[in-house]
Each structure stands twice: as structure tokens, then as C-alpha cells.
Amino acid sequence: MALDVVTLKERLTDPSNDGLWMRERLMLRFIDGGSARPIAPPPSAPVPLQGAVLALLYPHNGEICLPLTVRNAALRKHSGEVSLPGGRFDDEDRELSRTALREAWEELAIPPAAVALWSSLTTVWIPVSNFQITPFVGWSELRPDFTPSTGEVAELIEVPLSTLLDPGIIREEEWERNGVLMHVPFFAIGEYKVWGATGLILAELVGKLLER
């Protein structure tokens, strides 16, 4: 399904256009069907750390694309996973949208001035690291001259939006996690399985773009 930029912006900025229906498809589930992923920290949990990521859309080779990163294997947390550029809120950022822009610059050399922020998506809590992530959706008129930070990024993946909108790339497998068997849905993008927080964010974005 091809979408022009005007339609993209309309659907992604319309607050009544809810993409959470698609996000539900990417939720971890126990074998009995119950949800295996809390959507918010329990009352007894420490106050979560705040962070932000950037889902940047841009034109490239006749398509609209979105960059994902494979995290460097040397990183302490979430090493080797596929993610959106982003990271922890810094007091100097003053607001989470600036966190997303700063981290995108540090990880991929995306100039903040080149990004028009369109909207934000639903926050995602990551239990293993106690991070509350706010995703921002942005647009760049030109493909950025990506320069991945070797300390953080092992690989840059440029994903055509048409690929994300293809329902055939959503797969599911049974994985054992912490001794428990679970249904794990994911986006199959090339050799990578994009699941967890990044999968949930991409699913909501896709849900806002697809016609139900």
C-alpha cells in the first residue's frame, strides 16, 4: 500500500486514529493466551527512568523508509537487539522530544534541524531495564547522511515503509524465556526478528497507517 506524504502526516497526527489495535498483535503471551508483558510498572516498582526514541520517515529510492539500528554487542543492556535510535532522558534535554533528537544525532548523525516532529506514540515500559520510552514520529525531506556511531550501532537497517505495512512479515514463534514458554510475535525484517518494545512501537505506527 503506497501512501503519499500528506496522507502519512494526516494519519499519524490524527489523535482519533488509534493504532493500538495492531500493537496488541505484538504483545508477548503465555501459552494459555494471557498477556506476558505488563504495559505499565506495578505500584511497588521503582519510578521508571524516562527515555525517548525517534521513528524517522524519509524518502529514499522512490520509497518512504525508516531507520532501525542493531545495537553494538558490547553494550551492557539490550546488546545485539534491533531498535529505533533513542536513549535516556538527560536533564539538559528539558523535554523528551529533544532526547529523541539528541540520541538520533549521537547514534546516526541525523541533524535535529532536518527533522519535523509530527507526533508521539503510546509510551512503552521495558521491565528488564525499568525504562519508560516515549516514541516520537518525525519526517525528513531528504535522506539523512547516516554516520552510525560504532560504539553504539553495529548495523544500520533502512526499512521501506511498504515492508512494514506488509502483514506477511508479522510472524510468531514459541520461545522459552526465564524458564517459561511464551508466544513471541515479531516483525521478520531480513535476518532480524524485531520484537519487544521496538516491535510494539512499530506495530502502533503501522496500525495508524493501515485501514481497518
N, C-alpha and C. Protein backbone atom coordinates (compact mmCIF):
# COMPACT_ATOMS: atom_id res chain seq x y z
N MET A 1 0.85 -1.19 0.00
CA MET A 1 0.00 0.00 0.00
C MET A 1 0.89 1.24 0.00
N ALA A 2 0.78 2.05 -1.06
CA ALA A 2 1.59 3.26 -1.17
C ALA A 2 0.84 4.43 -0.54
N LEU A 3 1.52 5.18 0.29
CA LEU A 3 0.93 6.34 0.94
C LEU A 3 1.76 7.56 0.60
N ASP A 4 1.09 8.66 0.22
CA ASP A 4 1.83 9.90 -0.02
C ASP A 4 2.09 10.59 1.32
N VAL A 5 2.96 11.59 1.27
CA VAL A 5 3.39 12.24 2.50
C VAL A 5 2.23 12.94 3.20
N VAL A 6 1.33 13.54 2.44
CA VAL A 6 0.19 14.23 3.04
C VAL A 6 -0.68 13.25 3.82
N THR A 7 -0.96 12.09 3.22
CA THR A 7 -1.78 11.08 3.89
C THR A 7 -1.06 10.53 5.12
N LEU A 8 0.24 10.31 4.97
CA LEU A 8 1.04 9.84 6.11
C LEU A 8 0.89 10.77 7.30
N LYS A 9 1.10 12.05 7.04
CA LYS A 9 1.04 13.03 8.13
C LYS A 9 -0.35 13.09 8.73
N GLU A 10 -1.38 13.06 7.88
CA GLU A 10 -2.75 13.13 8.39
C GLU A 10 -3.04 11.97 9.33
N ARG A 11 -2.65 10.77 8.93
CA ARG A 11 -2.97 9.59 9.74
C ARG A 11 -2.14 9.53 11.02
N LEU A 12 -0.91 9.98 10.94
CA LEU A 12 -0.03 9.89 12.10
C LEU A 12 -0.26 11.01 13.12
N THR A 13 -0.90 12.08 12.68
CA THR A 13 -1.15 13.20 13.60
C THR A 13 -2.60 13.26 14.07
N ASP A 14 -3.45 12.38 13.56
CA ASP A 14 -4.87 12.36 13.94
C ASP A 14 -5.02 11.64 15.29
N PRO A 15 -5.36 12.37 16.36
CA PRO A 15 -5.45 11.72 17.68
C PRO A 15 -6.58 10.70 17.77
N SER A 16 -7.56 10.78 16.89
CA SER A 16 -8.65 9.81 16.91
C SER A 16 -8.31 8.53 16.16
N ASN A 17 -7.18 8.54 15.46
CA ASN A 17 -6.75 7.37 14.69
C ASN A 17 -5.87 6.51 15.59
N ASP A 18 -6.46 5.47 16.16
CA ASP A 18 -5.80 4.66 17.18
C ASP A 18 -5.11 3.45 16.54
N GLY A 19 -3.79 3.36 16.75
CA GLY A 19 -3.05 2.22 16.22
C GLY A 19 -2.81 1.12 17.23
N LEU A 20 -3.43 1.24 18.41
CA LEU A 20 -3.17 0.25 19.46
C LEU A 20 -3.73 -1.13 19.13
N TRP A 21 -4.71 -1.19 18.23
CA TRP A 21 -5.26 -2.49 17.84
C TRP A 21 -4.17 -3.38 17.24
N MET A 22 -3.26 -2.76 16.48
CA MET A 22 -2.17 -3.53 15.90
C MET A 22 -1.11 -3.86 16.95
N ARG A 23 -0.89 -2.94 17.89
CA ARG A 23 0.09 -3.19 18.94
C ARG A 23 -0.26 -4.43 19.75
N GLU A 24 -1.55 -4.68 19.92
CA GLU A 24 -1.98 -5.87 20.66
C GLU A 24 -1.46 -7.15 20.02
N ARG A 25 -1.29 -7.13 18.70
CA ARG A 25 -0.82 -8.33 17.99
C ARG A 25 0.64 -8.64 18.30
N LEU A 26 1.39 -7.64 18.77
CA LEU A 26 2.81 -7.83 19.04
C LEU A 26 3.11 -8.04 20.52
N MET A 27 2.07 -8.22 21.33
CA MET A 27 2.28 -8.43 22.76
C MET A 27 2.71 -9.86 23.04
N LEU A 28 3.70 -10.02 23.92
CA LEU A 28 4.08 -11.35 24.38
C LEU A 28 2.90 -12.00 25.11
N ARG A 29 2.73 -13.31 24.89
CA ARG A 29 1.64 -14.00 25.55
C ARG A 29 2.14 -15.34 26.11
N PHE A 30 1.57 -15.70 27.24
CA PHE A 30 1.82 -17.04 27.75
C PHE A 30 1.13 -18.06 26.84
N ILE A 31 1.51 -19.31 26.98
CA ILE A 31 0.94 -20.36 26.14
C ILE A 31 -0.58 -20.45 26.30
N ASP A 32 -1.09 -20.12 27.51
CA ASP A 32 -2.54 -20.17 27.72
C ASP A 32 -3.27 -18.97 27.14
N GLY A 33 -2.51 -18.03 26.54
CA GLY A 33 -3.12 -16.87 25.90
C GLY A 33 -3.08 -15.60 26.72
N GLY A 34 -2.76 -15.68 28.00
CA GLY A 34 -2.69 -14.49 28.84
C GLY A 34 -1.50 -13.62 28.50
N SER A 35 -1.63 -12.31 28.74
CA SER A 35 -0.55 -11.38 28.44
C SER A 35 0.67 -11.65 29.32
N ALA A 36 1.84 -11.69 28.70
CA ALA A 36 3.08 -11.93 29.44
C ALA A 36 3.88 -10.65 29.61
N ARG A 37 3.30 -9.52 29.19
CA ARG A 37 4.04 -8.27 29.27
C ARG A 37 3.17 -7.19 29.92
N PRO A 38 3.53 -6.72 31.11
CA PRO A 38 2.78 -5.61 31.71
C PRO A 38 2.97 -4.34 30.89
N ILE A 39 1.91 -3.57 30.73
CA ILE A 39 2.02 -2.36 29.92
C ILE A 39 2.47 -1.16 30.75
N ALA A 40 2.45 -1.30 32.06
CA ALA A 40 2.90 -0.21 32.95
C ALA A 40 3.54 -0.84 34.18
N PRO A 41 4.45 -0.12 34.83
CA PRO A 41 5.08 -0.67 36.03
C PRO A 41 4.07 -0.85 37.15
N PRO A 42 4.20 -1.91 37.94
CA PRO A 42 3.30 -2.10 39.08
C PRO A 42 3.56 -1.04 40.14
N PRO A 43 2.58 -0.78 41.02
CA PRO A 43 2.74 0.26 42.05
C PRO A 43 3.97 0.06 42.93
N SER A 44 4.39 -1.19 43.12
CA SER A 44 5.53 -1.47 44.00
C SER A 44 6.88 -1.25 43.32
N ALA A 45 6.87 -1.03 42.01
CA ALA A 45 8.13 -0.90 41.26
C ALA A 45 8.75 0.48 41.49
N PRO A 46 10.07 0.60 41.37
CA PRO A 46 10.70 1.92 41.45
C PRO A 46 10.20 2.82 40.33
N VAL A 47 10.31 4.12 40.54
CA VAL A 47 9.91 5.07 39.50
C VAL A 47 10.75 4.79 38.25
N PRO A 48 10.12 4.57 37.10
CA PRO A 48 10.90 4.21 35.91
C PRO A 48 11.74 5.37 35.39
N LEU A 49 12.86 5.04 34.79
CA LEU A 49 13.68 6.01 34.08
C LEU A 49 12.95 6.42 32.81
N GLN A 50 13.16 7.65 32.39
CA GLN A 50 12.48 8.15 31.19
C GLN A 50 13.44 8.16 30.00
N GLY A 51 12.90 7.82 28.85
CA GLY A 51 13.69 7.84 27.62
C GLY A 51 12.80 8.10 26.43
N ALA A 52 13.40 8.24 25.26
CA ALA A 52 12.64 8.52 24.05
C ALA A 52 13.36 7.93 22.85
N VAL A 53 12.58 7.60 21.83
CA VAL A 53 13.13 7.11 20.57
C VAL A 53 12.51 7.89 19.42
N LEU A 54 13.18 7.84 18.27
CA LEU A 54 12.70 8.55 17.08
C LEU A 54 12.41 7.56 15.97
N ALA A 55 11.17 7.57 15.49
CA ALA A 55 10.80 6.83 14.28
C ALA A 55 10.79 7.85 13.15
N LEU A 56 11.87 7.89 12.39
CA LEU A 56 12.05 8.91 11.35
C LEU A 56 11.64 8.35 9.99
N LEU A 57 10.78 9.06 9.31
CA LEU A 57 10.38 8.71 7.95
C LEU A 57 11.06 9.66 6.98
N TYR A 58 11.50 9.12 5.84
CA TYR A 58 12.21 9.95 4.85
C TYR A 58 12.14 9.25 3.49
N PRO A 59 12.27 10.01 2.39
CA PRO A 59 12.23 9.40 1.06
C PRO A 59 13.59 8.83 0.68
N HIS A 60 13.56 7.68 -0.01
CA HIS A 60 14.81 7.05 -0.46
C HIS A 60 14.50 6.06 -1.58
N ASN A 61 15.11 6.29 -2.73
CA ASN A 61 14.94 5.39 -3.88
C ASN A 61 13.47 5.14 -4.22
N GLY A 62 12.70 6.21 -4.21
CA GLY A 62 11.30 6.11 -4.60
C GLY A 62 10.38 5.54 -3.53
N GLU A 63 10.90 5.30 -2.34
CA GLU A 63 10.09 4.77 -1.24
C GLU A 63 10.23 5.67 -0.02
N ILE A 64 9.33 5.50 0.92
CA ILE A 64 9.49 6.12 2.23
C ILE A 64 10.07 5.07 3.16
N CYS A 65 11.13 5.44 3.85
CA CYS A 65 11.87 4.48 4.68
C CYS A 65 11.93 4.93 6.13
N LEU A 66 12.41 4.01 6.96
CA LEU A 66 12.57 4.25 8.39
C LEU A 66 13.85 3.54 8.84
N PRO A 67 14.72 4.22 9.61
CA PRO A 67 15.97 3.57 10.03
C PRO A 67 15.83 2.83 11.36
N LEU A 68 16.35 1.61 11.38
CA LEU A 68 16.50 0.85 12.61
C LEU A 68 17.97 0.59 12.83
N THR A 69 18.35 0.33 14.05
CA THR A 69 19.75 0.04 14.35
C THR A 69 19.87 -1.32 15.03
N VAL A 70 20.97 -1.99 14.76
CA VAL A 70 21.34 -3.18 15.52
C VAL A 70 22.33 -2.71 16.58
N ARG A 71 21.99 -2.90 17.83
CA ARG A 71 22.81 -2.38 18.92
C ARG A 71 24.13 -3.14 19.03
N ASN A 72 25.18 -2.40 19.32
CA ASN A 72 26.51 -2.97 19.46
C ASN A 72 26.52 -4.08 20.51
N ALA A 73 27.19 -5.18 20.20
CA ALA A 73 27.24 -6.33 21.11
C ALA A 73 27.94 -6.01 22.42
N ALA A 74 28.74 -4.93 22.45
CA ALA A 74 29.48 -4.59 23.66
C ALA A 74 28.65 -3.80 24.67
N LEU A 75 27.46 -3.35 24.28
CA LEU A 75 26.63 -2.56 25.20
C LEU A 75 26.11 -3.43 26.34
N ARG A 76 25.97 -2.82 27.52
CA ARG A 76 25.56 -3.58 28.71
C ARG A 76 24.11 -4.04 28.63
N LYS A 77 23.24 -3.22 28.05
CA LYS A 77 21.82 -3.55 28.02
C LYS A 77 21.32 -3.64 26.59
N HIS A 78 20.50 -4.65 26.34
CA HIS A 78 19.84 -4.83 25.04
C HIS A 78 20.83 -4.95 23.89
N SER A 79 22.02 -5.48 24.17
CA SER A 79 23.04 -5.63 23.13
C SER A 79 22.55 -6.59 22.05
N GLY A 80 22.88 -6.26 20.81
CA GLY A 80 22.52 -7.10 19.68
C GLY A 80 21.08 -7.00 19.24
N GLU A 81 20.26 -6.24 19.96
CA GLU A 81 18.85 -6.13 19.60
C GLU A 81 18.65 -5.06 18.53
N VAL A 82 17.55 -5.17 17.81
CA VAL A 82 17.17 -4.17 16.82
C VAL A 82 16.31 -3.11 17.50
N SER A 83 16.64 -1.86 17.28
CA SER A 83 15.92 -0.80 17.98
C SER A 83 15.80 0.43 17.10
N LEU A 84 15.00 1.37 17.56
CA LEU A 84 14.95 2.71 16.99
C LEU A 84 16.01 3.56 17.68
N PRO A 85 16.56 4.56 16.99
CA PRO A 85 17.53 5.43 17.67
C PRO A 85 16.87 6.15 18.83
N GLY A 86 17.55 6.14 19.97
CA GLY A 86 16.99 6.79 21.15
C GLY A 86 17.76 6.41 22.39
N GLY A 87 17.31 6.93 23.52
CA GLY A 87 18.02 6.63 24.76
C GLY A 87 17.42 7.38 25.94
N ARG A 88 18.23 7.52 26.96
CA ARG A 88 17.77 8.05 28.26
C ARG A 88 17.65 9.57 28.25
N PHE A 89 16.62 10.04 28.94
CA PHE A 89 16.41 11.47 29.11
C PHE A 89 17.54 12.07 29.92
N ASP A 90 18.03 13.21 29.47
CA ASP A 90 19.05 13.98 30.17
C ASP A 90 18.42 15.29 30.61
N ASP A 91 18.74 15.76 31.82
CA ASP A 91 18.14 17.00 32.32
C ASP A 91 18.35 18.16 31.36
N GLU A 92 19.46 18.16 30.64
CA GLU A 92 19.72 19.25 29.69
C GLU A 92 18.76 19.22 28.50
N ASP A 93 18.13 18.06 28.27
CA ASP A 93 17.17 17.98 27.16
C ASP A 93 15.93 18.82 27.42
N ARG A 94 15.53 18.88 28.68
CA ARG A 94 14.35 19.63 29.14
C ARG A 94 13.02 19.00 28.73
N GLU A 95 12.98 18.34 27.59
CA GLU A 95 11.76 17.62 27.20
C GLU A 95 12.14 16.40 26.39
N LEU A 96 11.26 15.40 26.40
CA LEU A 96 11.59 14.10 25.82
C LEU A 96 11.78 14.16 24.31
N SER A 97 11.09 15.06 23.63
CA SER A 97 11.29 15.16 22.18
C SER A 97 12.74 15.52 21.85
N ARG A 98 13.35 16.34 22.71
CA ARG A 98 14.76 16.69 22.49
C ARG A 98 15.67 15.51 22.77
N THR A 99 15.26 14.65 23.69
CA THR A 99 16.02 13.42 23.93
C THR A 99 16.07 12.58 22.66
N ALA A 100 14.91 12.41 22.02
CA ALA A 100 14.85 11.61 20.79
C ALA A 100 15.73 12.21 19.71
N LEU A 101 15.69 13.52 19.55
CA LEU A 101 16.50 14.18 18.52
C LEU A 101 17.99 14.09 18.85
N ARG A 102 18.34 14.30 20.12
CA ARG A 102 19.75 14.24 20.51
C ARG A 102 20.32 12.85 20.28
N GLU A 103 19.58 11.85 20.71
CA GLU A 103 20.07 10.48 20.57
C GLU A 103 20.17 10.07 19.10
N ALA A 104 19.23 10.53 18.27
CA ALA A 104 19.30 10.22 16.84
C ALA A 104 20.54 10.86 16.21
N TRP A 105 20.91 12.03 16.69
CA TRP A 105 22.14 12.68 16.22
C TRP A 105 23.37 11.90 16.69
N GLU A 106 23.38 11.51 17.96
CA GLU A 106 24.54 10.82 18.50
C GLU A 106 24.73 9.43 17.88
N GLU A 107 23.62 8.73 17.61
CA GLU A 107 23.73 7.36 17.10
C GLU A 107 23.91 7.30 15.59
N LEU A 108 23.20 8.19 14.86
CA LEU A 108 23.19 8.07 13.40
C LEU A 108 23.54 9.36 12.67
N ALA A 109 23.87 10.42 13.41
CA ALA A 109 24.20 11.73 12.82
C ALA A 109 23.03 12.30 12.03
N ILE A 110 21.81 12.11 12.55
CA ILE A 110 20.63 12.74 11.95
C ILE A 110 20.54 14.16 12.51
N PRO A 111 20.67 15.20 11.68
CA PRO A 111 20.64 16.57 12.20
C PRO A 111 19.27 16.91 12.77
N PRO A 112 19.20 17.36 14.02
CA PRO A 112 17.89 17.71 14.60
C PRO A 112 17.12 18.73 13.77
N ALA A 113 17.84 19.68 13.16
CA ALA A 113 17.16 20.72 12.38
C ALA A 113 16.49 20.17 11.13
N ALA A 114 16.89 18.97 10.71
CA ALA A 114 16.32 18.37 9.50
C ALA A 114 15.05 17.58 9.79
N VAL A 115 14.69 17.46 11.06
CA VAL A 115 13.56 16.61 11.45
C VAL A 115 12.36 17.47 11.84
N ALA A 116 11.24 17.23 11.18
CA ALA A 116 9.97 17.83 11.58
C ALA A 116 9.23 16.80 12.43
N LEU A 117 9.07 17.08 13.70
CA LEU A 117 8.36 16.15 14.58
C LEU A 117 6.86 16.25 14.32
N TRP A 118 6.26 15.12 14.01
CA TRP A 118 4.84 15.09 13.68
C TRP A 118 3.97 14.73 14.88
N SER A 119 4.39 13.74 15.63
CA SER A 119 3.51 13.24 16.68
C SER A 119 4.30 12.35 17.63
N SER A 120 3.63 11.93 18.69
CA SER A 120 4.20 10.92 19.58
C SER A 120 3.25 9.73 19.64
N LEU A 121 3.80 8.58 20.02
CA LEU A 121 3.00 7.37 20.16
C LEU A 121 2.90 7.00 21.64
N THR A 122 2.21 5.92 21.92
CA THR A 122 1.99 5.49 23.30
C THR A 122 3.30 5.08 23.96
N THR A 123 3.49 5.48 25.20
CA THR A 123 4.70 5.09 25.92
C THR A 123 4.75 3.58 26.12
N VAL A 124 5.97 3.06 26.18
CA VAL A 124 6.20 1.63 26.37
C VAL A 124 7.13 1.45 27.57
N TRP A 125 6.72 0.62 28.50
CA TRP A 125 7.57 0.31 29.66
C TRP A 125 8.38 -0.94 29.36
N ILE A 126 9.69 -0.88 29.63
CA ILE A 126 10.58 -2.02 29.43
C ILE A 126 10.94 -2.57 30.81
N PRO A 127 10.34 -3.68 31.21
CA PRO A 127 10.54 -4.18 32.58
C PRO A 127 11.99 -4.49 32.92
N VAL A 128 12.73 -5.10 31.99
CA VAL A 128 14.08 -5.57 32.32
C VAL A 128 15.02 -4.42 32.68
N SER A 129 14.79 -3.23 32.12
CA SER A 129 15.65 -2.09 32.43
C SER A 129 14.89 -0.97 33.14
N ASN A 130 13.59 -1.17 33.39
CA ASN A 130 12.74 -0.18 34.05
C ASN A 130 12.80 1.18 33.34
N PHE A 131 12.69 1.14 32.02
CA PHE A 131 12.64 2.36 31.22
C PHE A 131 11.22 2.59 30.71
N GLN A 132 10.77 3.82 30.78
CA GLN A 132 9.52 4.23 30.17
C GLN A 132 9.89 5.02 28.92
N ILE A 133 9.57 4.45 27.75
CA ILE A 133 10.01 5.02 26.49
C ILE A 133 8.86 5.75 25.80
N THR A 134 9.11 6.99 25.41
CA THR A 134 8.14 7.74 24.61
C THR A 134 8.63 7.79 23.17
N PRO A 135 7.87 7.23 22.22
CA PRO A 135 8.28 7.26 20.82
C PRO A 135 7.77 8.53 20.12
N PHE A 136 8.62 9.14 19.32
CA PHE A 136 8.25 10.29 18.51
C PHE A 136 8.37 9.93 17.04
N VAL A 137 7.43 10.43 16.24
CA VAL A 137 7.45 10.20 14.80
C VAL A 137 7.85 11.50 14.12
N GLY A 138 8.85 11.43 13.25
CA GLY A 138 9.33 12.61 12.56
C GLY A 138 9.47 12.38 11.07
N TRP A 139 9.66 13.48 10.35
CA TRP A 139 9.79 13.44 8.89
C TRP A 139 11.01 14.26 8.47
N SER A 140 11.77 13.73 7.52
CA SER A 140 12.87 14.47 6.91
C SER A 140 12.63 14.54 5.41
N GLU A 141 12.75 15.73 4.84
CA GLU A 141 12.51 15.90 3.41
C GLU A 141 13.55 15.16 2.57
N LEU A 142 14.73 14.96 3.13
CA LEU A 142 15.81 14.27 2.43
C LEU A 142 16.32 13.12 3.28
N ARG A 143 16.88 12.12 2.63
CA ARG A 143 17.51 11.03 3.37
C ARG A 143 18.72 11.59 4.10
N PRO A 144 18.81 11.39 5.42
CA PRO A 144 19.99 11.87 6.16
C PRO A 144 21.26 11.16 5.68
N ASP A 145 22.36 11.84 5.83
CA ASP A 145 23.66 11.23 5.54
C ASP A 145 24.09 10.46 6.78
N PHE A 146 23.56 9.26 6.92
CA PHE A 146 23.76 8.49 8.14
C PHE A 146 25.24 8.18 8.39
N THR A 147 25.67 8.42 9.63
CA THR A 147 27.00 8.02 10.07
C THR A 147 26.83 7.32 11.41
N PRO A 148 26.66 5.99 11.40
CA PRO A 148 26.42 5.28 12.66
C PRO A 148 27.59 5.40 13.63
N SER A 149 27.27 5.59 14.90
CA SER A 149 28.28 5.60 15.96
C SER A 149 28.72 4.17 16.23
N THR A 150 29.98 3.88 15.98
CA THR A 150 30.45 2.50 16.09
C THR A 150 30.38 1.98 17.53
N GLY A 151 30.41 2.88 18.50
CA GLY A 151 30.33 2.44 19.89
C GLY A 151 28.94 1.96 20.28
N GLU A 152 27.92 2.40 19.55
CA GLU A 152 26.55 2.05 19.90
C GLU A 152 25.84 1.22 18.83
N VAL A 153 26.21 1.43 17.58
CA VAL A 153 25.47 0.83 16.47
C VAL A 153 26.35 -0.14 15.70
N ALA A 154 25.89 -1.39 15.62
CA ALA A 154 26.63 -2.40 14.84
C ALA A 154 26.21 -2.38 13.38
N GLU A 155 24.97 -2.00 13.11
CA GLU A 155 24.46 -2.02 11.74
C GLU A 155 23.27 -1.08 11.62
N LEU A 156 23.16 -0.42 10.48
CA LEU A 156 22.00 0.40 10.14
C LEU A 156 21.11 -0.39 9.19
N ILE A 157 19.82 -0.44 9.49
CA ILE A 157 18.85 -1.11 8.63
C ILE A 157 17.86 -0.06 8.15
N GLU A 158 17.80 0.16 6.84
CA GLU A 158 16.83 1.10 6.28
C GLU A 158 15.64 0.29 5.77
N VAL A 159 14.51 0.43 6.43
CA VAL A 159 13.34 -0.40 6.14
C VAL A 159 12.31 0.40 5.34
N PRO A 160 11.97 -0.03 4.13
CA PRO A 160 10.89 0.63 3.40
C PRO A 160 9.58 0.51 4.16
N LEU A 161 8.82 1.58 4.17
CA LEU A 161 7.53 1.56 4.86
C LEU A 161 6.61 0.49 4.26
N SER A 162 6.75 0.26 2.96
CA SER A 162 5.93 -0.77 2.31
C SER A 162 6.20 -2.15 2.91
N THR A 163 7.43 -2.38 3.36
CA THR A 163 7.76 -3.65 4.02
C THR A 163 7.04 -3.76 5.35
N LEU A 164 7.07 -2.69 6.14
CA LEU A 164 6.40 -2.72 7.45
C LEU A 164 4.89 -2.90 7.32
N LEU A 165 4.33 -2.39 6.22
CA LEU A 165 2.88 -2.47 6.04
C LEU A 165 2.43 -3.81 5.46
N ASP A 166 3.37 -4.67 5.14
CA ASP A 166 3.05 -5.99 4.61
C ASP A 166 2.71 -6.93 5.77
N PRO A 167 1.46 -7.38 5.88
CA PRO A 167 1.09 -8.23 7.02
C PRO A 167 1.85 -9.55 7.06
N GLY A 168 2.45 -9.94 5.94
CA GLY A 168 3.17 -11.20 5.89
C GLY A 168 4.46 -11.22 6.69
N ILE A 169 4.95 -10.03 7.12
CA ILE A 169 6.21 -10.02 7.87
C ILE A 169 5.97 -10.18 9.37
N ILE A 170 4.72 -10.20 9.80
CA ILE A 170 4.44 -10.45 11.22
C ILE A 170 4.36 -11.95 11.43
N ARG A 171 5.28 -12.47 12.20
CA ARG A 171 5.37 -13.91 12.46
C ARG A 171 5.25 -14.14 13.96
N GLU A 172 5.21 -15.40 14.33
CA GLU A 172 5.15 -15.76 15.75
C GLU A 172 5.87 -17.08 15.98
N GLU A 173 6.61 -17.15 17.08
CA GLU A 173 7.30 -18.38 17.47
C GLU A 173 7.09 -18.62 18.96
N GLU A 174 7.36 -19.83 19.38
CA GLU A 174 7.37 -20.14 20.81
C GLU A 174 8.81 -20.08 21.30
N TRP A 175 9.06 -19.22 22.28
CA TRP A 175 10.38 -19.08 22.87
C TRP A 175 10.28 -19.40 24.36
N GLU A 176 11.39 -19.89 24.90
CA GLU A 176 11.46 -20.06 26.34
C GLU A 176 12.22 -18.89 26.93
N ARG A 177 11.57 -18.17 27.83
CA ARG A 177 12.18 -17.01 28.46
C ARG A 177 12.08 -17.18 29.97
N ASN A 178 13.24 -17.16 30.63
CA ASN A 178 13.30 -17.34 32.09
C ASN A 178 12.58 -18.62 32.52
N GLY A 179 12.73 -19.66 31.71
CA GLY A 179 12.14 -20.95 32.05
C GLY A 179 10.67 -21.09 31.73
N VAL A 180 10.08 -20.07 31.08
CA VAL A 180 8.65 -20.09 30.77
C VAL A 180 8.47 -20.05 29.26
N LEU A 181 7.62 -20.92 28.73
CA LEU A 181 7.34 -20.95 27.30
C LEU A 181 6.32 -19.87 26.96
N MET A 182 6.63 -19.08 25.91
CA MET A 182 5.77 -17.97 25.54
C MET A 182 5.57 -17.93 24.03
N HIS A 183 4.44 -17.31 23.63
CA HIS A 183 4.22 -16.94 22.24
C HIS A 183 4.90 -15.58 22.03
N VAL A 184 5.83 -15.50 21.08
CA VAL A 184 6.54 -14.25 20.82
C VAL A 184 6.28 -13.81 19.38
N PRO A 185 5.44 -12.77 19.18
CA PRO A 185 5.24 -12.23 17.84
C PRO A 185 6.36 -11.24 17.50
N PHE A 186 6.67 -11.12 16.21
CA PHE A 186 7.75 -10.22 15.80
C PHE A 186 7.58 -9.83 14.34
N PHE A 187 8.25 -8.74 13.96
CA PHE A 187 8.39 -8.36 12.56
C PHE A 187 9.62 -9.08 12.01
N ALA A 188 9.46 -9.86 10.96
CA ALA A 188 10.59 -10.53 10.31
C ALA A 188 11.14 -9.59 9.24
N ILE A 189 12.24 -8.91 9.57
CA ILE A 189 12.85 -7.93 8.66
C ILE A 189 14.23 -8.45 8.28
N GLY A 190 14.34 -8.97 7.07
CA GLY A 190 15.59 -9.59 6.66
C GLY A 190 15.91 -10.75 7.58
N GLU A 191 17.13 -10.74 8.11
CA GLU A 191 17.55 -11.81 9.02
C GLU A 191 17.16 -11.54 10.46
N TYR A 192 16.52 -10.40 10.72
CA TYR A 192 16.27 -9.99 12.09
C TYR A 192 14.82 -10.20 12.50
N LYS A 193 14.64 -10.44 13.80
CA LYS A 193 13.33 -10.56 14.42
C LYS A 193 13.16 -9.35 15.34
N VAL A 194 12.26 -8.45 14.95
CA VAL A 194 12.06 -7.21 15.70
C VAL A 194 10.84 -7.39 16.60
N TRP A 195 11.10 -7.46 17.91
CA TRP A 195 10.05 -7.77 18.87
C TRP A 195 10.19 -6.85 20.08
N GLY A 196 9.48 -7.17 21.14
CA GLY A 196 9.61 -6.39 22.37
C GLY A 196 9.15 -4.96 22.18
N ALA A 197 9.83 -4.02 22.85
CA ALA A 197 9.42 -2.62 22.82
C ALA A 197 9.43 -2.05 21.41
N THR A 198 10.49 -2.35 20.64
CA THR A 198 10.57 -1.82 19.28
C THR A 198 9.44 -2.38 18.43
N GLY A 199 9.14 -3.67 18.59
CA GLY A 199 8.03 -4.26 17.86
C GLY A 199 6.70 -3.61 18.19
N LEU A 200 6.48 -3.29 19.47
CA LEU A 200 5.24 -2.64 19.88
C LEU A 200 5.11 -1.25 19.28
N ILE A 201 6.22 -0.51 19.26
CA ILE A 201 6.20 0.85 18.70
C ILE A 201 5.91 0.81 17.21
N LEU A 202 6.61 -0.07 16.49
CA LEU A 202 6.38 -0.19 15.05
C LEU A 202 4.95 -0.64 14.76
N ALA A 203 4.43 -1.53 15.59
CA ALA A 203 3.07 -2.03 15.38
C ALA A 203 2.05 -0.90 15.53
N GLU A 204 2.23 -0.03 16.52
CA GLU A 204 1.29 1.08 16.67
C GLU A 204 1.38 2.02 15.48
N LEU A 205 2.60 2.30 15.01
CA LEU A 205 2.77 3.15 13.84
C LEU A 205 2.06 2.54 12.63
N VAL A 206 2.29 1.24 12.41
CA VAL A 206 1.64 0.54 11.30
C VAL A 206 0.12 0.58 11.45
N GLY A 207 -0.36 0.39 12.68
CA GLY A 207 -1.80 0.40 12.93
C GLY A 207 -2.45 1.72 12.60
N LYS A 208 -1.72 2.82 12.77
CA LYS A 208 -2.26 4.13 12.43
C LYS A 208 -2.31 4.35 10.92
N LEU A 209 -1.49 3.61 10.18
CA LEU A 209 -1.41 3.81 8.74
C LEU A 209 -2.33 2.87 7.97
N LEU A 210 -2.61 1.70 8.52
CA LEU A 210 -3.47 0.74 7.84
C LEU A 210 -4.94 1.11 8.02
N GLU A 211 -5.74 0.79 7.02
CA GLU A 211 -7.18 0.97 7.14
C GLU A 211 -7.78 -0.30 7.71
N ARG A 212 -8.49 -0.17 8.81
CA ARG A 212 -9.07 -1.36 9.46
C ARG A 212 -10.30 -1.85 8.71
